[in-house]
């Protein structure tokens, strides 16, 4: 059973990534939201893996953190939800946002995910409400207040390390964004934008 993979990103394709580990290429399916977070081809990447074993195939599904992998496994426990739909759900909402929607019985938000109907959304809320509490609750605000700069930079560095970048390179990439961004603009920058700019520095 493959639990995680660390290797060079060999290729990106709609049918999945190919990770070169010691000369062996592993095809790994990941959420579509990873498109902007992955390193460049040839760079090192690290993913937590779920190995789906069937009579006719062995399929690997990859995740940047253990919370996302755990949510994926919870989704597989729902009747009628297979690996492809579970991955599709995590492509529509992050693990934390999905936990919030399930905890709030937000059927409308869940059914906005392509391929998720009302019955499936209701099953998710009914069966997973008590199981998704392993994720910390982060109530959404309107508008969302910027996270403290030190926390954002720490989270951004952590996300880059989870994607396989060495800690020193990850820290330097985030600092480079901070150096070239006016202080007021950087203070209001969301972590998603910070990650995008840091990844461009690493490309």
N, C-alpha and C. Protein backbone atom coordinates (compact mmCIF):
# COMPACT_ATOMS: atom_id res chain seq x y z
N UNK A 1 0.85 -1.19 0.00
CA UNK A 1 0.00 0.00 0.00
C UNK A 1 0.88 1.24 0.00
N UNK A 2 0.67 2.13 -0.95
CA UNK A 2 1.45 3.37 -1.05
C UNK A 2 0.75 4.43 -0.21
N UNK A 3 1.45 4.98 0.78
CA UNK A 3 0.87 5.99 1.67
C UNK A 3 1.29 7.41 1.30
N UNK A 4 2.47 7.58 0.69
CA UNK A 4 2.93 8.90 0.28
C UNK A 4 3.99 8.73 -0.81
N UNK A 5 4.21 9.79 -1.55
CA UNK A 5 5.21 9.79 -2.61
C UNK A 5 5.99 11.10 -2.57
N UNK A 6 7.30 10.99 -2.73
CA UNK A 6 8.14 12.17 -2.91
C UNK A 6 9.03 11.91 -4.13
N UNK A 7 8.96 12.81 -5.07
CA UNK A 7 9.76 12.63 -6.27
C UNK A 7 9.66 13.84 -7.17
N UNK A 8 10.22 13.73 -8.37
CA UNK A 8 10.19 14.84 -9.33
C UNK A 8 8.89 14.82 -10.11
N UNK A 9 8.28 15.98 -10.25
CA UNK A 9 7.08 16.07 -11.08
C UNK A 9 7.49 15.90 -12.53
N UNK A 10 7.06 14.80 -13.14
CA UNK A 10 7.48 14.46 -14.50
C UNK A 10 6.54 15.04 -15.54
N UNK A 11 5.24 15.06 -15.23
CA UNK A 11 4.26 15.56 -16.22
C UNK A 11 2.97 15.93 -15.51
N UNK A 12 2.27 16.92 -16.12
CA UNK A 12 0.93 17.30 -15.67
C UNK A 12 -0.01 17.06 -16.84
N UNK A 13 -1.12 16.37 -16.59
CA UNK A 13 -2.08 16.08 -17.65
C UNK A 13 -3.47 16.01 -17.03
N UNK A 14 -4.53 16.17 -17.84
CA UNK A 14 -5.89 16.10 -17.31
C UNK A 14 -6.18 14.78 -16.59
N UNK A 15 -5.54 13.70 -17.04
CA UNK A 15 -5.80 12.41 -16.41
C UNK A 15 -4.97 12.18 -15.15
N UNK A 16 -4.13 13.13 -14.80
CA UNK A 16 -3.36 13.02 -13.55
C UNK A 16 -1.92 13.43 -13.71
N UNK A 17 -1.25 13.54 -12.57
CA UNK A 17 0.18 13.85 -12.57
C UNK A 17 0.98 12.57 -12.77
N UNK A 18 2.21 12.74 -13.21
CA UNK A 18 3.17 11.63 -13.22
C UNK A 18 4.35 12.08 -12.36
N UNK A 19 4.61 11.30 -11.30
CA UNK A 19 5.70 11.61 -10.38
C UNK A 19 6.79 10.56 -10.55
N UNK A 20 8.00 11.03 -10.82
CA UNK A 20 9.14 10.15 -11.02
C UNK A 20 9.80 9.89 -9.67
N UNK A 21 9.70 8.66 -9.20
CA UNK A 21 10.31 8.27 -7.93
C UNK A 21 11.35 7.19 -8.23
N UNK A 22 12.61 7.59 -8.21
CA UNK A 22 13.68 6.62 -8.46
C UNK A 22 13.60 5.97 -9.82
N UNK A 23 13.14 6.71 -10.81
CA UNK A 23 13.07 6.18 -12.17
C UNK A 23 11.76 5.48 -12.50
N UNK A 24 10.85 5.39 -11.55
CA UNK A 24 9.53 4.79 -11.78
C UNK A 24 8.50 5.91 -11.78
N UNK A 25 7.68 5.97 -12.84
CA UNK A 25 6.66 7.01 -12.94
C UNK A 25 5.33 6.55 -12.37
N UNK A 26 4.83 7.27 -11.38
CA UNK A 26 3.54 6.95 -10.77
C UNK A 26 2.51 7.98 -11.23
N UNK A 27 1.40 7.49 -11.79
CA UNK A 27 0.31 8.39 -12.16
C UNK A 27 -0.57 8.62 -10.93
N UNK A 28 -0.81 9.89 -10.60
CA UNK A 28 -1.56 10.24 -9.39
C UNK A 28 -2.65 11.24 -9.76
N UNK A 29 -3.86 10.95 -9.33
CA UNK A 29 -4.99 11.86 -9.56
C UNK A 29 -5.08 12.82 -8.37
N UNK A 30 -5.22 14.11 -8.64
CA UNK A 30 -5.28 15.13 -7.59
C UNK A 30 -6.46 16.05 -7.86
N UNK A 31 -6.93 16.79 -6.84
CA UNK A 31 -8.00 17.77 -7.07
C UNK A 31 -7.59 18.81 -8.11
N UNK A 32 -8.55 19.29 -8.87
CA UNK A 32 -8.26 20.26 -9.93
C UNK A 32 -7.71 21.57 -9.37
N UNK A 33 -8.01 21.86 -8.11
CA UNK A 33 -7.53 23.10 -7.50
C UNK A 33 -6.02 23.13 -7.35
N UNK A 34 -5.35 22.02 -7.56
CA UNK A 34 -3.89 21.97 -7.41
C UNK A 34 -3.16 22.58 -8.60
N UNK A 35 -3.88 22.88 -9.66
CA UNK A 35 -3.22 23.36 -10.88
C UNK A 35 -2.29 24.53 -10.63
N UNK A 36 -2.71 25.48 -9.76
CA UNK A 36 -1.91 26.68 -9.51
C UNK A 36 -0.91 26.49 -8.37
N UNK A 37 -0.97 25.36 -7.69
CA UNK A 37 -0.11 25.16 -6.53
C UNK A 37 1.06 24.22 -6.78
N UNK A 38 1.00 23.48 -7.87
CA UNK A 38 2.05 22.51 -8.15
C UNK A 38 3.34 23.19 -8.59
N UNK A 39 4.47 22.60 -8.25
CA UNK A 39 5.74 23.15 -8.75
C UNK A 39 5.89 22.91 -10.24
N UNK A 40 6.92 23.47 -10.81
CA UNK A 40 7.18 23.28 -12.23
C UNK A 40 7.63 21.84 -12.49
N UNK A 41 7.43 21.39 -13.72
CA UNK A 41 7.90 20.06 -14.11
C UNK A 41 9.40 19.97 -13.85
N UNK A 42 9.81 18.87 -13.22
CA UNK A 42 11.21 18.68 -12.86
C UNK A 42 11.51 19.00 -11.41
N UNK A 43 10.61 19.77 -10.76
CA UNK A 43 10.79 20.11 -9.35
C UNK A 43 10.27 18.98 -8.47
N UNK A 44 10.73 18.98 -7.21
CA UNK A 44 10.30 17.94 -6.28
C UNK A 44 8.89 18.23 -5.76
N UNK A 45 8.11 17.16 -5.58
CA UNK A 45 6.76 17.28 -5.04
C UNK A 45 6.54 16.16 -4.03
N UNK A 46 5.74 16.46 -3.01
CA UNK A 46 5.39 15.45 -1.99
C UNK A 46 3.87 15.41 -1.86
N UNK A 47 3.31 14.20 -1.89
CA UNK A 47 1.86 14.04 -1.76
C UNK A 47 1.54 12.87 -0.84
N UNK A 48 0.51 13.05 -0.01
CA UNK A 48 -0.06 11.93 0.72
C UNK A 48 -0.94 11.15 -0.26
N UNK A 49 -0.89 9.84 -0.19
CA UNK A 49 -1.52 9.00 -1.21
C UNK A 49 -2.58 8.07 -0.61
N UNK A 50 -3.70 7.97 -1.33
CA UNK A 50 -4.66 6.88 -1.07
C UNK A 50 -4.57 5.92 -2.24
N UNK A 51 -4.34 4.66 -1.96
CA UNK A 51 -4.22 3.63 -3.00
C UNK A 51 -5.54 2.89 -3.12
N UNK A 52 -6.18 3.02 -4.27
CA UNK A 52 -7.45 2.34 -4.52
C UNK A 52 -7.17 1.08 -5.33
N UNK A 53 -7.41 -0.07 -4.71
CA UNK A 53 -7.09 -1.35 -5.35
C UNK A 53 -8.38 -2.02 -5.81
N UNK A 54 -8.45 -2.31 -7.09
CA UNK A 54 -9.59 -3.03 -7.66
C UNK A 54 -9.08 -4.21 -8.46
N UNK A 55 -9.99 -5.06 -8.88
CA UNK A 55 -9.58 -6.27 -9.62
C UNK A 55 -8.84 -5.92 -10.90
N UNK A 56 -9.26 -4.82 -11.55
CA UNK A 56 -8.68 -4.50 -12.85
C UNK A 56 -7.75 -3.30 -12.84
N UNK A 57 -7.53 -2.69 -11.68
CA UNK A 57 -6.68 -1.49 -11.67
C UNK A 57 -6.25 -1.13 -10.26
N UNK A 58 -5.09 -0.48 -10.17
CA UNK A 58 -4.62 0.15 -8.94
C UNK A 58 -4.48 1.64 -9.26
N UNK A 59 -5.24 2.47 -8.56
CA UNK A 59 -5.27 3.90 -8.85
C UNK A 59 -4.81 4.68 -7.63
N UNK A 60 -3.98 5.67 -7.86
CA UNK A 60 -3.44 6.51 -6.78
C UNK A 60 -4.11 7.88 -6.78
N UNK A 61 -4.49 8.34 -5.59
CA UNK A 61 -5.08 9.67 -5.41
C UNK A 61 -4.19 10.44 -4.44
N UNK A 62 -3.80 11.66 -4.81
CA UNK A 62 -2.83 12.42 -4.03
C UNK A 62 -3.40 13.67 -3.40
N UNK A 63 -2.85 14.01 -2.20
CA UNK A 63 -3.34 15.16 -1.44
C UNK A 63 -2.16 15.88 -0.79
N UNK A 64 -2.29 17.20 -0.66
CA UNK A 64 -1.18 17.99 -0.12
C UNK A 64 -1.09 17.90 1.40
N UNK A 65 -2.20 17.55 2.07
CA UNK A 65 -2.14 17.43 3.53
C UNK A 65 -3.03 16.28 4.00
N UNK A 66 -2.82 15.86 5.24
CA UNK A 66 -3.54 14.70 5.77
C UNK A 66 -5.01 14.99 6.01
N UNK A 67 -5.37 16.23 6.33
CA UNK A 67 -6.78 16.56 6.53
C UNK A 67 -7.57 16.32 5.25
N UNK A 68 -6.99 16.71 4.12
CA UNK A 68 -7.69 16.53 2.85
C UNK A 68 -7.82 15.04 2.51
N UNK A 69 -6.77 14.28 2.79
CA UNK A 69 -6.84 12.83 2.55
C UNK A 69 -7.90 12.20 3.45
N UNK A 70 -7.96 12.63 4.70
CA UNK A 70 -8.94 12.08 5.62
C UNK A 70 -10.36 12.41 5.17
N UNK A 71 -10.57 13.63 4.68
CA UNK A 71 -11.89 13.99 4.16
C UNK A 71 -12.25 13.13 2.95
N UNK A 72 -11.28 12.88 2.10
CA UNK A 72 -11.50 12.03 0.93
C UNK A 72 -11.96 10.64 1.37
N UNK A 73 -11.33 10.08 2.40
CA UNK A 73 -11.70 8.75 2.88
C UNK A 73 -13.10 8.77 3.50
N UNK A 74 -13.46 9.85 4.18
CA UNK A 74 -14.82 9.96 4.72
C UNK A 74 -15.85 9.98 3.59
N UNK A 75 -15.54 10.70 2.52
CA UNK A 75 -16.46 10.76 1.39
C UNK A 75 -16.66 9.39 0.76
N UNK A 76 -15.59 8.59 0.73
CA UNK A 76 -15.71 7.25 0.15
C UNK A 76 -16.65 6.36 0.96
N UNK A 77 -16.87 6.71 2.22
CA UNK A 77 -17.77 5.93 3.06
C UNK A 77 -19.24 6.22 2.82
N UNK A 78 -19.55 7.21 1.98
CA UNK A 78 -20.93 7.56 1.68
C UNK A 78 -21.43 6.71 0.52
N UNK A 79 -22.60 6.12 0.69
CA UNK A 79 -23.18 5.28 -0.36
C UNK A 79 -23.32 6.06 -1.66
N UNK A 80 -22.81 5.49 -2.73
CA UNK A 80 -22.92 6.11 -4.05
C UNK A 80 -21.80 7.06 -4.40
N UNK A 81 -20.87 7.31 -3.46
CA UNK A 81 -19.74 8.21 -3.74
C UNK A 81 -18.48 7.36 -3.93
N UNK A 82 -17.96 7.36 -5.14
CA UNK A 82 -16.73 6.64 -5.43
C UNK A 82 -15.54 7.58 -5.44
N UNK A 83 -14.35 7.06 -5.72
CA UNK A 83 -13.15 7.90 -5.69
C UNK A 83 -13.20 9.09 -6.63
N UNK A 84 -13.73 8.91 -7.84
CA UNK A 84 -13.76 10.03 -8.79
C UNK A 84 -14.68 11.14 -8.32
N UNK A 85 -15.86 10.76 -7.77
CA UNK A 85 -16.76 11.80 -7.29
C UNK A 85 -16.21 12.46 -6.03
N UNK A 86 -15.56 11.67 -5.17
CA UNK A 86 -14.96 12.25 -3.96
C UNK A 86 -13.89 13.28 -4.34
N UNK A 87 -13.10 12.96 -5.35
CA UNK A 87 -12.07 13.90 -5.81
C UNK A 87 -12.72 15.13 -6.44
N UNK A 88 -13.83 14.91 -7.15
CA UNK A 88 -14.56 16.03 -7.75
C UNK A 88 -15.10 16.96 -6.67
N UNK A 89 -15.60 16.40 -5.57
CA UNK A 89 -16.13 17.21 -4.48
C UNK A 89 -15.02 18.07 -3.87
N UNK A 90 -13.83 17.48 -3.69
CA UNK A 90 -12.71 18.22 -3.13
C UNK A 90 -12.12 19.21 -4.14
N UNK A 91 -12.48 19.05 -5.41
CA UNK A 91 -12.10 20.05 -6.41
C UNK A 91 -13.03 21.25 -6.34
N UNK A 92 -14.23 21.04 -5.80
CA UNK A 92 -15.21 22.12 -5.69
C UNK A 92 -15.10 22.90 -4.41
N UNK A 93 -14.69 22.23 -3.31
CA UNK A 93 -14.54 22.88 -2.02
C UNK A 93 -13.32 22.31 -1.31
N UNK A 94 -12.58 23.15 -0.63
CA UNK A 94 -11.47 22.66 0.18
C UNK A 94 -12.02 21.82 1.32
N UNK A 95 -11.17 21.04 1.96
CA UNK A 95 -11.61 20.20 3.07
C UNK A 95 -12.25 21.03 4.17
N UNK A 96 -11.65 22.19 4.49
CA UNK A 96 -12.20 23.04 5.55
C UNK A 96 -13.55 23.62 5.16
N UNK A 97 -13.67 24.10 3.90
CA UNK A 97 -14.95 24.66 3.45
C UNK A 97 -16.02 23.58 3.37
N UNK A 98 -15.63 22.38 2.97
CA UNK A 98 -16.57 21.27 2.90
C UNK A 98 -17.08 20.92 4.30
N UNK A 99 -16.17 20.91 5.27
CA UNK A 99 -16.56 20.62 6.64
C UNK A 99 -17.54 21.66 7.16
N UNK A 100 -17.30 22.94 6.82
CA UNK A 100 -18.21 24.00 7.25
C UNK A 100 -19.59 23.83 6.62
N UNK A 101 -19.60 23.52 5.32
CA UNK A 101 -20.88 23.37 4.63
C UNK A 101 -21.67 22.18 5.20
N UNK A 102 -20.98 21.09 5.47
CA UNK A 102 -21.64 19.91 6.04
C UNK A 102 -22.15 20.22 7.45
N UNK A 103 -21.31 20.87 8.25
CA UNK A 103 -21.70 21.19 9.61
C UNK A 103 -22.88 22.13 9.69
N UNK A 104 -23.04 22.98 8.67
CA UNK A 104 -24.13 23.96 8.65
C UNK A 104 -25.35 23.47 7.86
N UNK A 105 -25.31 22.21 7.38
CA UNK A 105 -26.39 21.67 6.54
C UNK A 105 -26.65 22.58 5.34
N UNK A 106 -25.56 23.10 4.76
CA UNK A 106 -25.69 24.03 3.65
C UNK A 106 -25.84 23.26 2.34
N UNK A 107 -27.05 22.75 2.11
CA UNK A 107 -27.33 21.94 0.92
C UNK A 107 -27.09 22.75 -0.35
N UNK A 108 -27.45 24.03 -0.33
CA UNK A 108 -27.28 24.87 -1.51
C UNK A 108 -25.84 24.96 -1.94
N UNK A 109 -24.94 25.14 -0.98
CA UNK A 109 -23.52 25.26 -1.33
C UNK A 109 -22.98 23.93 -1.86
N UNK A 110 -23.43 22.84 -1.26
CA UNK A 110 -22.95 21.53 -1.70
C UNK A 110 -23.44 21.20 -3.11
N UNK A 111 -24.69 21.55 -3.41
CA UNK A 111 -25.23 21.21 -4.73
C UNK A 111 -24.67 22.11 -5.83
N UNK A 112 -23.95 23.17 -5.45
CA UNK A 112 -23.28 23.98 -6.47
C UNK A 112 -22.02 23.31 -7.00
N UNK A 113 -21.58 22.26 -6.32
CA UNK A 113 -20.44 21.48 -6.82
C UNK A 113 -20.93 20.65 -8.01
N UNK A 114 -20.31 20.74 -9.18
CA UNK A 114 -20.76 19.95 -10.32
C UNK A 114 -20.84 18.45 -9.99
N UNK A 115 -21.96 17.84 -10.33
CA UNK A 115 -22.13 16.41 -10.11
C UNK A 115 -22.70 16.02 -8.77
N UNK A 116 -22.94 17.00 -7.89
CA UNK A 116 -23.52 16.72 -6.57
C UNK A 116 -24.97 17.16 -6.57
N UNK A 117 -25.88 16.16 -6.48
CA UNK A 117 -27.30 16.46 -6.43
C UNK A 117 -27.79 16.63 -5.01
N UNK A 118 -29.06 16.94 -4.89
CA UNK A 118 -29.63 17.22 -3.57
C UNK A 118 -29.55 16.00 -2.66
N UNK A 119 -29.84 14.81 -3.19
CA UNK A 119 -29.82 13.60 -2.36
C UNK A 119 -28.42 13.31 -1.84
N UNK A 120 -27.43 13.47 -2.70
CA UNK A 120 -26.05 13.24 -2.26
C UNK A 120 -25.66 14.26 -1.20
N UNK A 121 -26.02 15.52 -1.42
CA UNK A 121 -25.71 16.58 -0.44
C UNK A 121 -26.37 16.27 0.90
N UNK A 122 -27.60 15.81 0.87
CA UNK A 122 -28.29 15.47 2.12
C UNK A 122 -27.61 14.31 2.84
N UNK A 123 -27.14 13.31 2.07
CA UNK A 123 -26.43 12.18 2.69
C UNK A 123 -25.13 12.64 3.32
N UNK A 124 -24.42 13.55 2.65
CA UNK A 124 -23.17 14.07 3.21
C UNK A 124 -23.42 14.73 4.57
N UNK A 125 -24.46 15.56 4.62
CA UNK A 125 -24.75 16.26 5.88
C UNK A 125 -25.20 15.29 6.96
N UNK A 126 -26.04 14.33 6.59
CA UNK A 126 -26.58 13.40 7.58
C UNK A 126 -25.51 12.48 8.14
N UNK A 127 -24.64 11.98 7.27
CA UNK A 127 -23.70 10.94 7.68
C UNK A 127 -22.35 11.48 8.16
N UNK A 128 -21.99 12.71 7.75
CA UNK A 128 -20.64 13.19 8.06
C UNK A 128 -20.60 14.34 9.06
N UNK A 129 -21.74 14.85 9.45
CA UNK A 129 -21.73 16.04 10.31
C UNK A 129 -20.89 15.83 11.56
N UNK A 130 -21.01 14.67 12.19
CA UNK A 130 -20.26 14.42 13.42
C UNK A 130 -18.84 13.93 13.16
N UNK A 131 -18.52 13.64 11.91
CA UNK A 131 -17.21 13.07 11.59
C UNK A 131 -16.22 14.10 11.06
N UNK A 132 -16.71 15.27 10.66
CA UNK A 132 -15.82 16.27 10.06
C UNK A 132 -15.29 17.25 11.10
N UNK A 133 -15.55 16.99 12.37
CA UNK A 133 -15.13 17.92 13.40
C UNK A 133 -13.63 17.86 13.69
N UNK A 134 -12.92 16.95 13.03
CA UNK A 134 -11.46 16.92 13.19
C UNK A 134 -10.82 18.15 12.58
N UNK A 135 -11.56 18.84 11.69
CA UNK A 135 -11.06 20.08 11.10
C UNK A 135 -11.47 21.24 11.98
N UNK A 136 -10.55 22.17 12.29
CA UNK A 136 -10.90 23.32 13.14
C UNK A 136 -11.94 24.18 12.47
N UNK A 137 -12.88 24.67 13.25
CA UNK A 137 -13.91 25.56 12.71
C UNK A 137 -13.32 26.95 12.50
N UNK A 138 -13.53 27.47 11.30
CA UNK A 138 -13.07 28.82 10.98
C UNK A 138 -14.25 29.57 10.38
N UNK A 139 -15.09 30.18 11.22
CA UNK A 139 -16.28 30.85 10.70
C UNK A 139 -15.91 31.88 9.65
N UNK A 140 -16.69 31.91 8.60
CA UNK A 140 -16.43 32.85 7.52
C UNK A 140 -16.98 34.22 7.87
N UNK A 141 -16.27 35.24 7.54
CA UNK A 141 -16.73 36.61 7.78
C UNK A 141 -17.01 37.27 6.45
N UNK A 142 -17.81 38.31 6.46
CA UNK A 142 -18.13 39.02 5.23
C UNK A 142 -17.99 40.53 5.48
N UNK A 143 -16.98 41.15 4.88
CA UNK A 143 -15.91 40.53 4.12
C UNK A 143 -14.89 39.88 5.03
N UNK A 144 -14.14 38.92 4.49
CA UNK A 144 -13.14 38.24 5.31
C UNK A 144 -12.00 39.18 5.64
N UNK A 145 -11.63 39.21 6.88
CA UNK A 145 -10.51 40.07 7.30
C UNK A 145 -9.20 39.41 6.92
N UNK A 146 -8.21 40.19 6.51
CA UNK A 146 -6.91 39.59 6.17
C UNK A 146 -6.32 38.90 7.39
N UNK A 147 -5.66 37.77 7.12
CA UNK A 147 -4.97 37.08 8.20
C UNK A 147 -3.73 37.88 8.59
N UNK A 148 -3.28 37.79 9.84
CA UNK A 148 -2.05 38.48 10.23
C UNK A 148 -0.91 38.08 9.31
N UNK A 149 -0.07 39.05 8.97
CA UNK A 149 0.98 38.79 7.99
C UNK A 149 1.88 37.64 8.41
N UNK A 150 2.24 37.57 9.72
CA UNK A 150 3.14 36.51 10.14
C UNK A 150 2.49 35.14 9.99
N UNK A 151 1.18 35.05 10.26
CA UNK A 151 0.48 33.78 10.11
C UNK A 151 0.35 33.41 8.64
N UNK A 152 0.05 34.41 7.79
CA UNK A 152 -0.07 34.13 6.36
C UNK A 152 1.24 33.63 5.78
N UNK A 153 2.33 34.29 6.14
CA UNK A 153 3.62 33.87 5.58
C UNK A 153 3.99 32.48 6.08
N UNK A 154 3.70 32.20 7.36
CA UNK A 154 3.98 30.86 7.90
C UNK A 154 3.16 29.80 7.19
N UNK A 155 1.86 30.11 6.95
CA UNK A 155 0.98 29.15 6.26
C UNK A 155 1.43 28.96 4.82
N UNK A 156 1.86 30.05 4.18
CA UNK A 156 2.31 29.94 2.79
C UNK A 156 3.57 29.09 2.69
N UNK A 157 4.51 29.30 3.60
CA UNK A 157 5.73 28.49 3.61
C UNK A 157 5.39 27.03 3.85
N UNK A 158 4.47 26.76 4.80
CA UNK A 158 4.07 25.39 5.09
C UNK A 158 3.44 24.72 3.86
N UNK A 159 2.59 25.47 3.14
CA UNK A 159 1.95 24.91 1.95
C UNK A 159 2.98 24.57 0.88
N UNK A 160 3.99 25.43 0.70
CA UNK A 160 5.03 25.16 -0.30
C UNK A 160 5.87 23.96 0.10
N UNK A 161 6.15 23.81 1.38
CA UNK A 161 6.91 22.64 1.85
C UNK A 161 6.11 21.38 1.61
N UNK A 162 4.78 21.43 1.86
CA UNK A 162 3.93 20.26 1.60
C UNK A 162 3.91 19.88 0.14
N UNK A 163 4.14 20.87 -0.74
CA UNK A 163 4.20 20.59 -2.17
C UNK A 163 5.57 20.08 -2.61
N UNK A 164 6.50 19.98 -1.68
CA UNK A 164 7.79 19.39 -2.00
C UNK A 164 8.96 20.33 -2.08
N UNK A 165 8.76 21.62 -1.87
CA UNK A 165 9.87 22.57 -1.92
C UNK A 165 10.67 22.52 -0.62
N UNK A 166 11.98 22.64 -0.69
CA UNK A 166 12.79 22.71 0.53
C UNK A 166 12.39 23.92 1.36
N UNK A 167 12.40 23.82 2.68
CA UNK A 167 11.98 24.94 3.54
C UNK A 167 12.70 26.25 3.24
N UNK A 168 14.01 26.17 2.98
CA UNK A 168 14.76 27.41 2.72
C UNK A 168 14.27 28.09 1.45
N UNK A 169 13.99 27.31 0.40
CA UNK A 169 13.51 27.90 -0.86
C UNK A 169 12.10 28.46 -0.68
N UNK A 170 11.28 27.74 0.08
CA UNK A 170 9.91 28.20 0.32
C UNK A 170 9.92 29.53 1.06
N UNK A 171 10.75 29.64 2.10
CA UNK A 171 10.83 30.88 2.87
C UNK A 171 11.33 32.03 2.00
N UNK A 172 12.33 31.78 1.18
CA UNK A 172 12.88 32.83 0.33
C UNK A 172 11.86 33.30 -0.70
N UNK A 173 11.06 32.37 -1.25
CA UNK A 173 10.05 32.74 -2.24
C UNK A 173 8.99 33.65 -1.62
N UNK A 174 8.57 33.33 -0.41
CA UNK A 174 7.56 34.16 0.27
C UNK A 174 8.16 35.52 0.62
N UNK A 175 9.39 35.54 1.10
CA UNK A 175 10.04 36.81 1.42
C UNK A 175 10.22 37.67 0.17
N UNK A 176 10.47 37.02 -0.97
CA UNK A 176 10.63 37.77 -2.23
C UNK A 176 9.34 38.49 -2.60
N UNK A 177 8.21 37.83 -2.38
CA UNK A 177 6.92 38.47 -2.64
C UNK A 177 6.75 39.67 -1.72
N UNK A 178 7.11 39.49 -0.45
CA UNK A 178 6.96 40.57 0.53
C UNK A 178 7.84 41.77 0.18
N UNK A 179 9.07 41.47 -0.29
CA UNK A 179 10.01 42.56 -0.61
C UNK A 179 9.51 43.41 -1.78
N UNK A 180 8.90 42.78 -2.78
CA UNK A 180 8.53 43.54 -3.97
C UNK A 180 7.09 44.07 -3.93
N UNK A 181 6.39 43.84 -2.81
CA UNK A 181 5.00 44.30 -2.69
C UNK A 181 4.92 45.44 -1.67
N UNK A 182 4.28 46.55 -2.02
CA UNK A 182 4.10 47.63 -1.04
C UNK A 182 3.48 47.10 0.25
N UNK A 183 3.92 47.65 1.39
CA UNK A 183 3.52 47.10 2.69
C UNK A 183 2.02 47.07 2.88
N UNK A 184 1.31 48.13 2.46
CA UNK A 184 -0.15 48.14 2.64
C UNK A 184 -0.82 47.08 1.78
N UNK A 185 -0.31 46.90 0.56
CA UNK A 185 -0.88 45.88 -0.33
C UNK A 185 -0.59 44.49 0.20
N UNK A 186 0.62 44.29 0.73
CA UNK A 186 0.97 42.97 1.28
C UNK A 186 0.12 42.66 2.50
N UNK A 187 -0.17 43.67 3.33
CA UNK A 187 -0.96 43.45 4.54
C UNK A 187 -2.37 42.97 4.21
N UNK A 188 -2.90 43.37 3.06
CA UNK A 188 -4.24 42.95 2.68
C UNK A 188 -4.28 41.77 1.73
N UNK A 189 -3.13 41.21 1.40
CA UNK A 189 -3.07 40.11 0.43
C UNK A 189 -3.57 38.81 1.06
N UNK A 190 -4.48 38.13 0.36
CA UNK A 190 -4.96 36.84 0.83
C UNK A 190 -3.89 35.78 0.59
N UNK A 191 -3.96 34.70 1.37
CA UNK A 191 -2.92 33.68 1.28
C UNK A 191 -2.90 33.02 -0.10
N UNK A 192 -4.08 32.91 -0.77
CA UNK A 192 -4.11 32.29 -2.09
C UNK A 192 -3.26 33.07 -3.08
N UNK A 193 -3.37 34.42 -3.03
CA UNK A 193 -2.58 35.26 -3.93
C UNK A 193 -1.11 35.21 -3.56
N UNK A 194 -0.82 35.16 -2.27
CA UNK A 194 0.57 35.06 -1.82
C UNK A 194 1.20 33.78 -2.35
N UNK A 195 0.45 32.68 -2.29
CA UNK A 195 0.97 31.41 -2.82
C UNK A 195 1.20 31.47 -4.32
N UNK A 196 0.25 32.07 -5.05
CA UNK A 196 0.42 32.15 -6.50
C UNK A 196 1.68 32.92 -6.87
N UNK A 197 1.90 34.05 -6.18
CA UNK A 197 3.08 34.85 -6.50
C UNK A 197 4.37 34.14 -6.08
N UNK A 198 4.32 33.45 -4.94
CA UNK A 198 5.50 32.71 -4.50
C UNK A 198 5.85 31.60 -5.48
N UNK A 199 4.83 30.92 -6.00
CA UNK A 199 5.06 29.85 -6.97
C UNK A 199 5.65 30.39 -8.26
N UNK A 200 5.23 31.59 -8.64
CA UNK A 200 5.83 32.20 -9.85
C UNK A 200 7.31 32.49 -9.62
N UNK A 201 7.67 32.84 -8.39
CA UNK A 201 9.09 33.07 -8.07
C UNK A 201 9.89 31.79 -8.17
N UNK A 202 9.24 30.67 -7.86
CA UNK A 202 9.93 29.37 -7.85
C UNK A 202 9.97 28.73 -9.23
N UNK A 203 9.13 29.21 -10.15
CA UNK A 203 9.06 28.58 -11.47
C UNK A 203 10.35 28.76 -12.25
